[in-house]
N, C-alpha and C. Protein backbone atom coordinates (compact mmCIF):
# COMPACT_ATOMS: atom_id res chain seq x y z
N MET A 1 -39.51 -22.80 16.71
CA MET A 1 -39.46 -21.71 17.67
C MET A 1 -38.61 -22.14 18.87
N PRO A 2 -37.59 -21.38 19.23
CA PRO A 2 -36.77 -21.77 20.36
C PRO A 2 -37.39 -21.46 21.70
N GLY A 3 -38.62 -20.92 21.70
CA GLY A 3 -39.26 -20.57 22.96
C GLY A 3 -38.80 -19.22 23.45
N LYS A 4 -38.29 -19.16 24.69
CA LYS A 4 -37.90 -17.90 25.29
C LYS A 4 -36.49 -17.51 24.86
N VAL A 5 -36.30 -16.21 24.65
CA VAL A 5 -34.97 -15.69 24.33
C VAL A 5 -34.65 -14.58 25.31
N LEU A 6 -33.38 -14.50 25.71
CA LEU A 6 -32.93 -13.50 26.69
C LEU A 6 -31.97 -12.55 26.03
N LEU A 7 -32.30 -11.25 26.08
CA LEU A 7 -31.50 -10.22 25.42
C LEU A 7 -31.18 -9.08 26.39
N SER A 8 -30.12 -8.37 26.10
CA SER A 8 -29.84 -7.14 26.84
C SER A 8 -30.76 -6.05 26.30
N THR A 9 -30.90 -4.97 27.05
CA THR A 9 -31.55 -3.81 26.48
C THR A 9 -30.61 -3.23 25.42
N ALA A 10 -31.16 -2.55 24.43
CA ALA A 10 -30.32 -2.05 23.34
C ALA A 10 -30.96 -0.84 22.69
N TYR A 11 -30.11 0.08 22.24
CA TYR A 11 -30.54 1.31 21.58
C TYR A 11 -30.46 1.11 20.07
N LEU A 12 -31.62 1.12 19.40
CA LEU A 12 -31.68 0.92 17.95
C LEU A 12 -30.74 -0.22 17.53
N PRO A 13 -30.99 -1.42 18.05
CA PRO A 13 -30.03 -2.53 17.88
C PRO A 13 -29.92 -3.03 16.45
N PRO A 14 -28.92 -3.89 16.19
CA PRO A 14 -28.70 -4.41 14.84
C PRO A 14 -29.76 -5.44 14.45
N ALA A 15 -29.76 -5.82 13.17
CA ALA A 15 -30.75 -6.76 12.65
C ALA A 15 -30.69 -8.10 13.36
N GLU A 16 -29.49 -8.54 13.75
CA GLU A 16 -29.35 -9.83 14.43
C GLU A 16 -30.22 -9.89 15.69
N TYR A 17 -30.30 -8.81 16.40
CA TYR A 17 -31.12 -8.71 17.62
C TYR A 17 -32.58 -9.05 17.30
N PHE A 18 -33.07 -8.52 16.18
CA PHE A 18 -34.46 -8.75 15.80
C PHE A 18 -34.67 -10.13 15.19
N ALA A 19 -33.63 -10.68 14.60
CA ALA A 19 -33.73 -12.05 14.10
C ALA A 19 -33.95 -13.02 15.25
N LYS A 20 -33.29 -12.77 16.39
CA LYS A 20 -33.49 -13.61 17.58
C LYS A 20 -34.92 -13.46 18.10
N ILE A 21 -35.43 -12.24 18.08
CA ILE A 21 -36.80 -12.00 18.54
C ILE A 21 -37.79 -12.71 17.63
N ALA A 22 -37.57 -12.61 16.33
CA ALA A 22 -38.49 -13.20 15.36
C ALA A 22 -38.58 -14.72 15.50
N ALA A 23 -37.50 -15.33 15.98
CA ALA A 23 -37.47 -16.79 16.10
C ALA A 23 -37.98 -17.28 17.45
N ALA A 24 -38.38 -16.36 18.33
CA ALA A 24 -38.78 -16.73 19.69
C ALA A 24 -40.27 -16.55 19.91
N SER A 25 -40.77 -17.25 20.91
CA SER A 25 -42.18 -17.09 21.29
C SER A 25 -42.34 -16.05 22.39
N GLU A 26 -41.28 -15.83 23.16
CA GLU A 26 -41.32 -14.83 24.22
C GLU A 26 -39.92 -14.25 24.41
N VAL A 27 -39.86 -12.94 24.64
CA VAL A 27 -38.58 -12.24 24.76
C VAL A 27 -38.45 -11.64 26.15
N PHE A 28 -37.34 -11.96 26.81
CA PHE A 28 -37.03 -11.36 28.10
C PHE A 28 -35.88 -10.38 27.93
N VAL A 29 -36.09 -9.15 28.40
CA VAL A 29 -35.07 -8.12 28.34
C VAL A 29 -34.46 -7.98 29.73
N GLU A 30 -33.14 -8.06 29.80
CA GLU A 30 -32.42 -8.00 31.07
C GLU A 30 -32.48 -6.60 31.67
N LYS A 31 -32.95 -6.51 32.91
CA LYS A 31 -32.95 -5.21 33.59
C LYS A 31 -32.27 -5.26 34.95
N GLU A 32 -31.81 -6.44 35.37
CA GLU A 32 -31.22 -6.58 36.69
C GLU A 32 -29.69 -6.61 36.68
N GLU A 33 -29.09 -6.73 35.50
CA GLU A 33 -27.63 -6.77 35.42
C GLU A 33 -27.03 -5.41 35.74
N ASN A 34 -25.73 -5.40 36.08
CA ASN A 34 -25.01 -4.14 36.15
C ASN A 34 -24.75 -3.64 34.74
N TYR A 35 -24.79 -2.35 34.58
CA TYR A 35 -24.60 -1.72 33.27
C TYR A 35 -23.23 -2.04 32.69
N HIS A 36 -23.20 -2.33 31.38
CA HIS A 36 -21.96 -2.61 30.67
C HIS A 36 -21.68 -1.48 29.68
N LYS A 37 -20.48 -0.93 29.74
CA LYS A 37 -20.08 0.14 28.84
C LYS A 37 -19.70 -0.42 27.47
N GLN A 38 -19.72 0.46 26.46
CA GLN A 38 -19.27 0.16 25.10
C GLN A 38 -20.02 -1.04 24.51
N THR A 39 -21.33 -1.05 24.70
CA THR A 39 -22.17 -2.10 24.13
C THR A 39 -23.36 -1.44 23.44
N TYR A 40 -24.24 -2.27 22.91
CA TYR A 40 -25.44 -1.75 22.26
C TYR A 40 -26.45 -1.19 23.26
N ARG A 41 -26.18 -1.32 24.54
CA ARG A 41 -27.13 -0.83 25.53
C ARG A 41 -27.39 0.66 25.39
N ASN A 42 -26.36 1.42 25.02
CA ASN A 42 -26.57 2.85 24.82
C ASN A 42 -25.92 3.37 23.54
N ARG A 43 -25.69 2.47 22.59
CA ARG A 43 -25.12 2.93 21.32
C ARG A 43 -25.64 2.11 20.16
N CYS A 44 -25.60 2.73 19.00
CA CYS A 44 -25.94 2.02 17.77
C CYS A 44 -24.97 2.48 16.69
N TYR A 45 -25.03 1.78 15.57
CA TYR A 45 -24.20 2.13 14.42
C TYR A 45 -25.09 2.32 13.21
N ILE A 46 -24.92 3.44 12.53
CA ILE A 46 -25.62 3.67 11.27
C ILE A 46 -24.61 3.65 10.14
N LEU A 47 -25.10 3.47 8.92
CA LEU A 47 -24.21 3.41 7.77
C LEU A 47 -24.29 4.71 7.00
N THR A 48 -23.16 5.40 6.90
CA THR A 48 -23.09 6.68 6.19
C THR A 48 -22.22 6.54 4.94
N ALA A 49 -22.11 7.61 4.18
CA ALA A 49 -21.28 7.59 2.98
C ALA A 49 -19.82 7.33 3.31
N SER A 50 -19.43 7.64 4.54
CA SER A 50 -18.04 7.43 4.98
C SER A 50 -17.85 6.11 5.70
N GLY A 51 -18.91 5.32 5.81
CA GLY A 51 -18.82 4.06 6.52
C GLY A 51 -19.66 4.10 7.79
N PRO A 52 -19.50 3.11 8.67
CA PRO A 52 -20.29 3.07 9.90
C PRO A 52 -19.99 4.25 10.82
N GLN A 53 -21.03 4.77 11.46
CA GLN A 53 -20.88 5.84 12.43
C GLN A 53 -21.55 5.41 13.73
N SER A 54 -20.84 5.56 14.82
CA SER A 54 -21.37 5.21 16.14
C SER A 54 -22.13 6.38 16.73
N LEU A 55 -23.31 6.10 17.27
CA LEU A 55 -24.11 7.09 17.98
C LEU A 55 -24.30 6.59 19.40
N THR A 56 -23.83 7.37 20.37
CA THR A 56 -23.84 6.93 21.77
C THR A 56 -24.65 7.87 22.64
N ILE A 57 -25.53 7.31 23.45
CA ILE A 57 -26.30 8.09 24.41
C ILE A 57 -25.46 8.29 25.66
N PRO A 58 -25.19 9.53 26.07
CA PRO A 58 -24.43 9.76 27.31
C PRO A 58 -25.31 9.42 28.52
N VAL A 59 -24.70 8.77 29.49
CA VAL A 59 -25.45 8.36 30.67
C VAL A 59 -24.69 8.71 31.94
N TYR A 60 -25.42 8.78 33.03
CA TYR A 60 -24.81 8.96 34.34
C TYR A 60 -24.52 7.59 34.94
N LEU A 61 -23.34 7.43 35.51
CA LEU A 61 -22.96 6.18 36.14
C LEU A 61 -22.83 6.37 37.64
N GLY A 62 -23.18 5.35 38.40
CA GLY A 62 -23.07 5.43 39.84
C GLY A 62 -21.63 5.20 40.29
N SER A 63 -21.43 5.12 41.58
CA SER A 63 -20.10 4.91 42.12
C SER A 63 -19.53 3.59 41.65
N PHE A 64 -18.27 3.62 41.25
CA PHE A 64 -17.55 2.44 40.78
C PHE A 64 -18.19 1.80 39.55
N HIS A 65 -19.11 2.52 38.91
CA HIS A 65 -19.75 2.07 37.69
C HIS A 65 -20.57 0.80 37.87
N LYS A 66 -20.85 0.41 39.11
CA LYS A 66 -21.67 -0.78 39.34
C LYS A 66 -23.11 -0.35 39.57
N THR A 67 -23.74 0.05 38.48
CA THR A 67 -25.11 0.53 38.54
C THR A 67 -26.01 -0.41 37.76
N PRO A 68 -27.10 -0.88 38.36
CA PRO A 68 -28.03 -1.73 37.61
C PRO A 68 -28.52 -1.01 36.35
N VAL A 69 -28.64 -1.73 35.27
CA VAL A 69 -29.03 -1.10 34.01
C VAL A 69 -30.39 -0.43 34.13
N LYS A 70 -31.26 -0.96 35.00
CA LYS A 70 -32.59 -0.37 35.16
C LYS A 70 -32.52 1.02 35.81
N ASP A 71 -31.39 1.34 36.46
CA ASP A 71 -31.23 2.62 37.14
C ASP A 71 -30.37 3.62 36.36
N ILE A 72 -29.95 3.25 35.17
CA ILE A 72 -29.10 4.14 34.37
C ILE A 72 -29.93 5.30 33.82
N ARG A 73 -29.49 6.52 34.17
CA ARG A 73 -30.19 7.72 33.73
C ARG A 73 -29.46 8.36 32.54
N ILE A 74 -30.24 8.95 31.66
CA ILE A 74 -29.69 9.61 30.48
C ILE A 74 -29.21 11.00 30.84
N ASP A 75 -28.06 11.38 30.30
CA ASP A 75 -27.46 12.69 30.55
C ASP A 75 -27.88 13.65 29.43
N TYR A 76 -28.76 14.58 29.76
CA TYR A 76 -29.25 15.53 28.77
C TYR A 76 -28.46 16.84 28.78
N SER A 77 -27.36 16.89 29.52
CA SER A 77 -26.52 18.09 29.49
C SER A 77 -25.78 18.19 28.16
N LYS A 78 -25.70 17.09 27.45
CA LYS A 78 -25.08 17.06 26.12
C LYS A 78 -26.20 17.00 25.09
N ARG A 79 -26.00 17.62 23.96
CA ARG A 79 -27.06 17.72 22.95
C ARG A 79 -27.06 16.49 22.03
N TRP A 80 -27.10 15.33 22.64
CA TRP A 80 -26.98 14.11 21.86
C TRP A 80 -28.19 13.86 20.97
N GLN A 81 -29.38 14.29 21.40
CA GLN A 81 -30.59 14.02 20.60
C GLN A 81 -30.50 14.64 19.21
N LYS A 82 -30.12 15.91 19.16
CA LYS A 82 -30.01 16.59 17.86
C LYS A 82 -28.89 15.98 17.02
N VAL A 83 -27.81 15.59 17.68
CA VAL A 83 -26.69 14.96 16.96
C VAL A 83 -27.15 13.65 16.33
N HIS A 84 -27.82 12.81 17.11
CA HIS A 84 -28.26 11.52 16.61
C HIS A 84 -29.28 11.66 15.48
N LEU A 85 -30.28 12.49 15.72
CA LEU A 85 -31.33 12.66 14.71
C LEU A 85 -30.78 13.31 13.44
N GLY A 86 -29.86 14.23 13.60
CA GLY A 86 -29.24 14.86 12.43
C GLY A 86 -28.42 13.86 11.64
N ALA A 87 -27.69 13.00 12.34
CA ALA A 87 -26.87 12.00 11.66
C ALA A 87 -27.75 10.98 10.93
N ILE A 88 -28.83 10.56 11.57
CA ILE A 88 -29.74 9.60 10.95
C ILE A 88 -30.41 10.21 9.72
N ALA A 89 -30.84 11.47 9.84
CA ALA A 89 -31.48 12.15 8.72
C ALA A 89 -30.51 12.32 7.55
N ALA A 90 -29.26 12.65 7.86
CA ALA A 90 -28.27 12.83 6.80
C ALA A 90 -27.94 11.52 6.11
N ALA A 91 -27.87 10.44 6.89
CA ALA A 91 -27.51 9.13 6.32
C ALA A 91 -28.65 8.53 5.50
N TYR A 92 -29.88 8.76 5.94
CA TYR A 92 -30.99 8.04 5.32
C TYR A 92 -32.05 8.95 4.69
N GLY A 93 -31.72 10.22 4.52
CA GLY A 93 -32.69 11.16 3.98
C GLY A 93 -33.24 10.79 2.62
N SER A 94 -32.45 10.08 1.82
CA SER A 94 -32.92 9.69 0.49
C SER A 94 -33.39 8.24 0.43
N SER A 95 -33.47 7.58 1.56
CA SER A 95 -33.96 6.21 1.59
C SER A 95 -35.47 6.20 1.32
N PRO A 96 -35.97 5.16 0.66
CA PRO A 96 -37.37 5.17 0.23
C PRO A 96 -38.41 5.19 1.33
N TYR A 97 -38.08 4.67 2.52
CA TYR A 97 -39.09 4.56 3.57
C TYR A 97 -38.85 5.46 4.76
N VAL A 98 -37.83 6.29 4.70
CA VAL A 98 -37.52 7.15 5.84
C VAL A 98 -38.67 8.09 6.17
N ILE A 99 -39.41 8.51 5.18
CA ILE A 99 -40.53 9.43 5.39
C ILE A 99 -41.62 8.81 6.26
N TYR A 100 -41.71 7.49 6.26
CA TYR A 100 -42.76 6.81 7.02
C TYR A 100 -42.36 6.53 8.46
N TYR A 101 -41.08 6.43 8.72
CA TYR A 101 -40.64 5.94 10.03
C TYR A 101 -39.79 6.92 10.85
N PHE A 102 -39.19 7.89 10.20
CA PHE A 102 -38.29 8.78 10.94
C PHE A 102 -39.00 9.51 12.06
N ASP A 103 -40.20 9.99 11.82
CA ASP A 103 -40.93 10.77 12.83
C ASP A 103 -41.20 9.96 14.09
N ILE A 104 -41.41 8.66 13.93
CA ILE A 104 -41.68 7.80 15.08
C ILE A 104 -40.44 7.70 15.96
N ILE A 105 -39.28 7.52 15.33
CA ILE A 105 -38.02 7.44 16.06
C ILE A 105 -37.70 8.79 16.70
N GLU A 106 -37.92 9.86 15.96
CA GLU A 106 -37.66 11.19 16.48
C GLU A 106 -38.52 11.47 17.71
N LYS A 107 -39.78 11.12 17.65
CA LYS A 107 -40.69 11.38 18.77
C LYS A 107 -40.22 10.67 20.03
N ALA A 108 -39.79 9.42 19.90
CA ALA A 108 -39.32 8.65 21.06
C ALA A 108 -38.04 9.26 21.63
N ILE A 109 -37.12 9.62 20.78
CA ILE A 109 -35.84 10.16 21.23
C ILE A 109 -36.02 11.52 21.90
N MET A 110 -36.95 12.30 21.41
CA MET A 110 -37.16 13.65 21.93
C MET A 110 -38.07 13.70 23.16
N LYS A 111 -38.49 12.55 23.65
CA LYS A 111 -39.39 12.50 24.80
C LYS A 111 -38.71 12.81 26.12
N ASN A 112 -37.39 12.83 26.12
CA ASN A 112 -36.63 13.08 27.36
C ASN A 112 -36.93 12.06 28.45
N HIS A 113 -36.89 10.79 28.09
CA HIS A 113 -37.03 9.74 29.10
C HIS A 113 -35.94 9.90 30.15
N GLU A 114 -36.28 9.69 31.39
CA GLU A 114 -35.27 9.78 32.44
C GLU A 114 -34.31 8.60 32.39
N PHE A 115 -34.84 7.42 32.15
CA PHE A 115 -34.04 6.20 32.20
C PHE A 115 -33.78 5.65 30.80
N LEU A 116 -32.56 5.17 30.60
CA LEU A 116 -32.17 4.55 29.33
C LEU A 116 -33.07 3.38 28.98
N LEU A 117 -33.41 2.56 29.95
CA LEU A 117 -34.23 1.38 29.71
C LEU A 117 -35.59 1.76 29.12
N ASP A 118 -36.16 2.85 29.61
CA ASP A 118 -37.47 3.27 29.12
C ASP A 118 -37.40 3.73 27.67
N LEU A 119 -36.37 4.48 27.32
CA LEU A 119 -36.20 4.91 25.94
C LEU A 119 -35.99 3.71 25.03
N ASN A 120 -35.12 2.80 25.44
CA ASN A 120 -34.84 1.63 24.62
C ASN A 120 -36.08 0.78 24.39
N MET A 121 -36.89 0.63 25.43
CA MET A 121 -38.09 -0.20 25.29
C MET A 121 -39.14 0.45 24.40
N GLU A 122 -39.26 1.77 24.46
CA GLU A 122 -40.20 2.44 23.55
C GLU A 122 -39.74 2.28 22.11
N LEU A 123 -38.45 2.46 21.88
CA LEU A 123 -37.93 2.29 20.53
C LEU A 123 -38.06 0.85 20.06
N LEU A 124 -37.79 -0.09 20.96
CA LEU A 124 -37.88 -1.50 20.60
C LEU A 124 -39.30 -1.87 20.16
N ALA A 125 -40.28 -1.42 20.93
CA ALA A 125 -41.68 -1.70 20.58
C ALA A 125 -42.05 -1.04 19.25
N SER A 126 -41.55 0.18 19.03
CA SER A 126 -41.85 0.89 17.79
C SER A 126 -41.22 0.19 16.59
N LEU A 127 -39.97 -0.23 16.73
CA LEU A 127 -39.28 -0.92 15.65
C LEU A 127 -39.95 -2.26 15.33
N ALA A 128 -40.36 -2.98 16.36
CA ALA A 128 -41.06 -4.25 16.15
C ALA A 128 -42.37 -4.02 15.39
N ASP A 129 -43.06 -2.94 15.73
CA ASP A 129 -44.31 -2.61 15.05
C ASP A 129 -44.05 -2.23 13.59
N MET A 130 -42.96 -1.49 13.34
CA MET A 130 -42.62 -1.09 11.97
C MET A 130 -42.43 -2.29 11.05
N ILE A 131 -41.82 -3.34 11.58
CA ILE A 131 -41.52 -4.50 10.73
C ILE A 131 -42.56 -5.60 10.89
N ARG A 132 -43.65 -5.26 11.57
CA ARG A 132 -44.78 -6.17 11.75
C ARG A 132 -44.34 -7.45 12.46
N LEU A 133 -43.57 -7.27 13.49
CA LEU A 133 -43.07 -8.37 14.29
C LEU A 133 -43.94 -8.51 15.53
N ASP A 134 -44.72 -9.56 15.58
CA ASP A 134 -45.64 -9.80 16.70
C ASP A 134 -44.89 -10.54 17.79
N CYS A 135 -44.63 -9.88 18.91
CA CYS A 135 -43.88 -10.53 19.98
C CYS A 135 -44.30 -9.94 21.32
N ARG A 136 -43.98 -10.67 22.37
CA ARG A 136 -44.30 -10.23 23.72
C ARG A 136 -43.00 -10.01 24.48
N PHE A 137 -42.85 -8.81 25.03
CA PHE A 137 -41.64 -8.46 25.78
C PHE A 137 -41.92 -8.51 27.27
N SER A 138 -40.99 -9.10 28.01
CA SER A 138 -41.05 -9.12 29.47
C SER A 138 -39.68 -8.76 30.01
N PHE A 139 -39.64 -8.31 31.26
CA PHE A 139 -38.37 -8.02 31.92
C PHE A 139 -37.96 -9.19 32.81
N THR A 140 -36.66 -9.35 32.97
CA THR A 140 -36.16 -10.29 33.95
C THR A 140 -36.48 -9.77 35.35
N THR A 141 -36.60 -10.66 36.30
CA THR A 141 -36.90 -10.27 37.68
C THR A 141 -35.72 -10.48 38.61
N GLU A 142 -34.71 -11.22 38.15
CA GLU A 142 -33.48 -11.42 38.91
C GLU A 142 -32.35 -11.71 37.93
N PHE A 143 -31.14 -11.43 38.37
CA PHE A 143 -30.00 -11.64 37.47
C PHE A 143 -29.49 -13.07 37.57
N GLU A 144 -29.27 -13.66 36.41
CA GLU A 144 -28.66 -14.98 36.34
C GLU A 144 -27.39 -14.87 35.50
N PRO A 145 -26.28 -15.43 35.99
CA PRO A 145 -25.03 -15.37 35.22
C PRO A 145 -25.20 -16.02 33.85
N ALA A 146 -24.41 -15.57 32.90
CA ALA A 146 -24.47 -16.10 31.54
C ALA A 146 -24.09 -17.58 31.52
N GLY A 147 -24.66 -18.30 30.58
CA GLY A 147 -24.32 -19.70 30.40
C GLY A 147 -25.24 -20.67 31.09
N ARG A 148 -26.19 -20.18 31.84
CA ARG A 148 -27.09 -21.07 32.56
C ARG A 148 -28.33 -21.46 31.77
N LYS A 149 -28.65 -20.66 30.76
CA LYS A 149 -29.86 -20.93 29.99
C LYS A 149 -29.55 -20.92 28.50
N ASP A 150 -30.33 -21.72 27.77
CA ASP A 150 -30.23 -21.68 26.32
C ASP A 150 -30.82 -20.37 25.81
N ASN A 151 -30.42 -19.98 24.61
CA ASN A 151 -30.96 -18.78 23.98
C ASN A 151 -30.72 -17.53 24.81
N ASP A 152 -29.56 -17.47 25.46
CA ASP A 152 -29.14 -16.29 26.21
C ASP A 152 -28.14 -15.52 25.34
N PHE A 153 -28.58 -14.39 24.81
CA PHE A 153 -27.73 -13.61 23.90
C PHE A 153 -27.33 -12.26 24.49
N ARG A 154 -27.47 -12.11 25.80
CA ARG A 154 -27.18 -10.83 26.44
C ARG A 154 -25.76 -10.35 26.17
N TYR A 155 -24.81 -11.27 26.16
CA TYR A 155 -23.40 -10.89 26.02
C TYR A 155 -22.77 -11.43 24.74
N LEU A 156 -23.62 -11.96 23.87
CA LEU A 156 -23.13 -12.49 22.59
C LEU A 156 -23.35 -11.50 21.45
N ILE A 157 -24.46 -10.76 21.52
CA ILE A 157 -24.71 -9.73 20.50
C ILE A 157 -24.08 -8.44 21.01
N THR A 158 -22.90 -8.16 20.54
CA THR A 158 -22.11 -7.03 21.04
C THR A 158 -21.20 -6.51 19.95
N PRO A 159 -20.97 -5.20 19.89
CA PRO A 159 -20.07 -4.66 18.86
C PRO A 159 -18.63 -5.12 19.04
N LYS A 160 -18.30 -5.68 20.21
CA LYS A 160 -16.93 -6.10 20.47
C LYS A 160 -16.59 -7.43 19.81
N ASN A 161 -17.61 -8.23 19.53
CA ASN A 161 -17.39 -9.56 18.97
C ASN A 161 -17.87 -9.63 17.53
N ARG A 162 -17.03 -10.17 16.66
CA ARG A 162 -17.45 -10.37 15.27
C ARG A 162 -18.59 -11.39 15.23
N SER A 163 -19.57 -11.14 14.41
CA SER A 163 -20.70 -12.05 14.27
C SER A 163 -20.77 -12.58 12.85
N ASP A 164 -21.18 -13.82 12.73
CA ASP A 164 -21.37 -14.42 11.42
C ASP A 164 -22.73 -14.10 10.83
N TYR A 165 -23.57 -13.43 11.64
CA TYR A 165 -24.92 -13.13 11.15
C TYR A 165 -24.87 -12.11 10.02
N ARG A 166 -25.64 -12.36 8.98
CA ARG A 166 -25.79 -11.42 7.88
C ARG A 166 -27.25 -11.40 7.45
N THR A 167 -27.75 -10.24 7.10
CA THR A 167 -29.07 -10.16 6.49
C THR A 167 -28.93 -10.60 5.04
N LYS A 168 -30.06 -10.89 4.42
CA LYS A 168 -30.04 -11.11 2.97
C LYS A 168 -29.68 -9.78 2.30
N THR A 169 -29.09 -9.85 1.13
CA THR A 169 -28.68 -8.63 0.42
C THR A 169 -29.90 -7.77 0.07
N TYR A 170 -29.79 -6.50 0.36
CA TYR A 170 -30.86 -5.57 0.02
C TYR A 170 -30.26 -4.28 -0.51
N ALA A 171 -31.05 -3.54 -1.28
CA ALA A 171 -30.57 -2.28 -1.86
C ALA A 171 -30.57 -1.21 -0.79
N GLY A 172 -29.43 -0.55 -0.62
CA GLY A 172 -29.32 0.51 0.37
C GLY A 172 -28.81 1.78 -0.27
N VAL A 173 -28.86 2.84 0.50
CA VAL A 173 -28.36 4.12 0.00
C VAL A 173 -26.88 4.01 -0.32
N PHE A 174 -26.14 3.34 0.56
CA PHE A 174 -24.70 3.17 0.36
C PHE A 174 -24.44 1.70 0.07
N THR A 175 -24.08 1.41 -1.17
CA THR A 175 -23.91 0.02 -1.59
C THR A 175 -22.45 -0.40 -1.62
N ALA A 176 -21.55 0.49 -1.18
CA ALA A 176 -20.14 0.13 -1.14
C ALA A 176 -19.91 -0.94 -0.08
N GLU A 177 -18.73 -1.50 -0.07
CA GLU A 177 -18.38 -2.54 0.91
C GLU A 177 -18.68 -2.03 2.32
N LYS A 178 -19.44 -2.80 3.06
CA LYS A 178 -19.80 -2.41 4.42
C LYS A 178 -18.76 -2.93 5.40
N ILE A 179 -18.34 -2.07 6.29
CA ILE A 179 -17.40 -2.46 7.33
C ILE A 179 -18.20 -2.91 8.54
N HIS A 180 -17.88 -4.08 9.07
CA HIS A 180 -18.59 -4.63 10.23
C HIS A 180 -20.10 -4.57 10.01
N PRO A 181 -20.63 -5.20 8.97
CA PRO A 181 -22.06 -5.07 8.66
C PRO A 181 -22.98 -5.57 9.76
N TRP A 182 -22.50 -6.50 10.60
CA TRP A 182 -23.37 -7.03 11.66
C TRP A 182 -23.67 -5.97 12.72
N ARG A 183 -22.88 -4.91 12.76
CA ARG A 183 -23.09 -3.86 13.76
C ARG A 183 -24.21 -2.89 13.39
N ILE A 184 -24.52 -2.79 12.11
CA ILE A 184 -25.41 -1.72 11.65
C ILE A 184 -26.82 -1.88 12.19
N SER A 185 -27.38 -0.76 12.70
CA SER A 185 -28.72 -0.76 13.26
C SER A 185 -29.76 -1.24 12.26
N ILE A 186 -30.80 -1.85 12.78
CA ILE A 186 -31.88 -2.32 11.91
C ILE A 186 -32.56 -1.17 11.19
N ILE A 187 -32.39 0.07 11.64
CA ILE A 187 -33.03 1.17 10.92
C ILE A 187 -32.50 1.29 9.51
N ASP A 188 -31.28 0.83 9.25
CA ASP A 188 -30.75 0.82 7.88
C ASP A 188 -31.64 -0.05 7.00
N LEU A 189 -31.99 -1.20 7.49
CA LEU A 189 -32.86 -2.13 6.77
C LEU A 189 -34.28 -1.59 6.67
N ILE A 190 -34.79 -1.04 7.76
CA ILE A 190 -36.16 -0.52 7.77
C ILE A 190 -36.32 0.65 6.80
N PHE A 191 -35.38 1.59 6.83
CA PHE A 191 -35.49 2.76 5.96
C PHE A 191 -35.36 2.39 4.48
N ASN A 192 -34.69 1.29 4.20
CA ASN A 192 -34.50 0.87 2.81
C ASN A 192 -35.52 -0.14 2.32
N CYS A 193 -36.07 -0.95 3.23
CA CYS A 193 -36.96 -2.02 2.82
C CYS A 193 -38.37 -1.91 3.38
N GLY A 194 -38.58 -1.05 4.35
CA GLY A 194 -39.91 -0.82 4.88
C GLY A 194 -40.62 -2.06 5.34
N PRO A 195 -41.88 -2.27 4.89
CA PRO A 195 -42.67 -3.39 5.37
C PRO A 195 -42.14 -4.76 4.94
N GLU A 196 -41.15 -4.78 4.05
CA GLU A 196 -40.55 -6.04 3.62
C GLU A 196 -39.36 -6.44 4.48
N THR A 197 -39.08 -5.68 5.52
CA THR A 197 -37.88 -5.90 6.33
C THR A 197 -37.78 -7.32 6.85
N MET A 198 -38.88 -7.89 7.31
CA MET A 198 -38.83 -9.24 7.88
C MET A 198 -38.33 -10.27 6.89
N ASN A 199 -38.53 -10.01 5.60
CA ASN A 199 -38.06 -10.96 4.59
C ASN A 199 -36.56 -11.01 4.45
N TYR A 200 -35.87 -10.01 5.05
CA TYR A 200 -34.41 -9.93 4.91
C TYR A 200 -33.67 -10.34 6.18
N LEU A 201 -34.39 -10.59 7.26
CA LEU A 201 -33.74 -10.98 8.50
C LEU A 201 -33.18 -12.40 8.42
């Protein structure tokens, strides 16, 4: 066990994110940093028949975009909830375990959380429960620059950087060659493997 692990907040994050959690005794989620665009903080990737599809939560940004992630509000003027849920349902409607877990994700997304961090944390707790991952989540209380602590993955798990992480091979709805497989949300694994998900991390 590497002890404590430090992660960014993330929306339906990839399997690598949960692999780090599974290997830790305590998880700290960053809430004091300034918000970073084009990251997993407000987007995820699902696997469709046409390949990976990005789903992004629209947010309000403060002046000069220097807004603490804990203060980022979700923009509900756009119908992103129906778009996301429709895309997930279309991609995974025939997956063996979607019937058990889709409603939980839908309920969290449709709650109209004011803050992105609150939505992400509800989903994170729900996903951890789905895969029977026993862990304790805490928030950071002050910002520390990257590189000062071991097991700091806040800026390493990102769609911008290629990752060598791979899950074990599992049967999925779409078995064709996966593009950027490290980006795909853990819901792909959950909907296809259900309670056995931890065995594939």
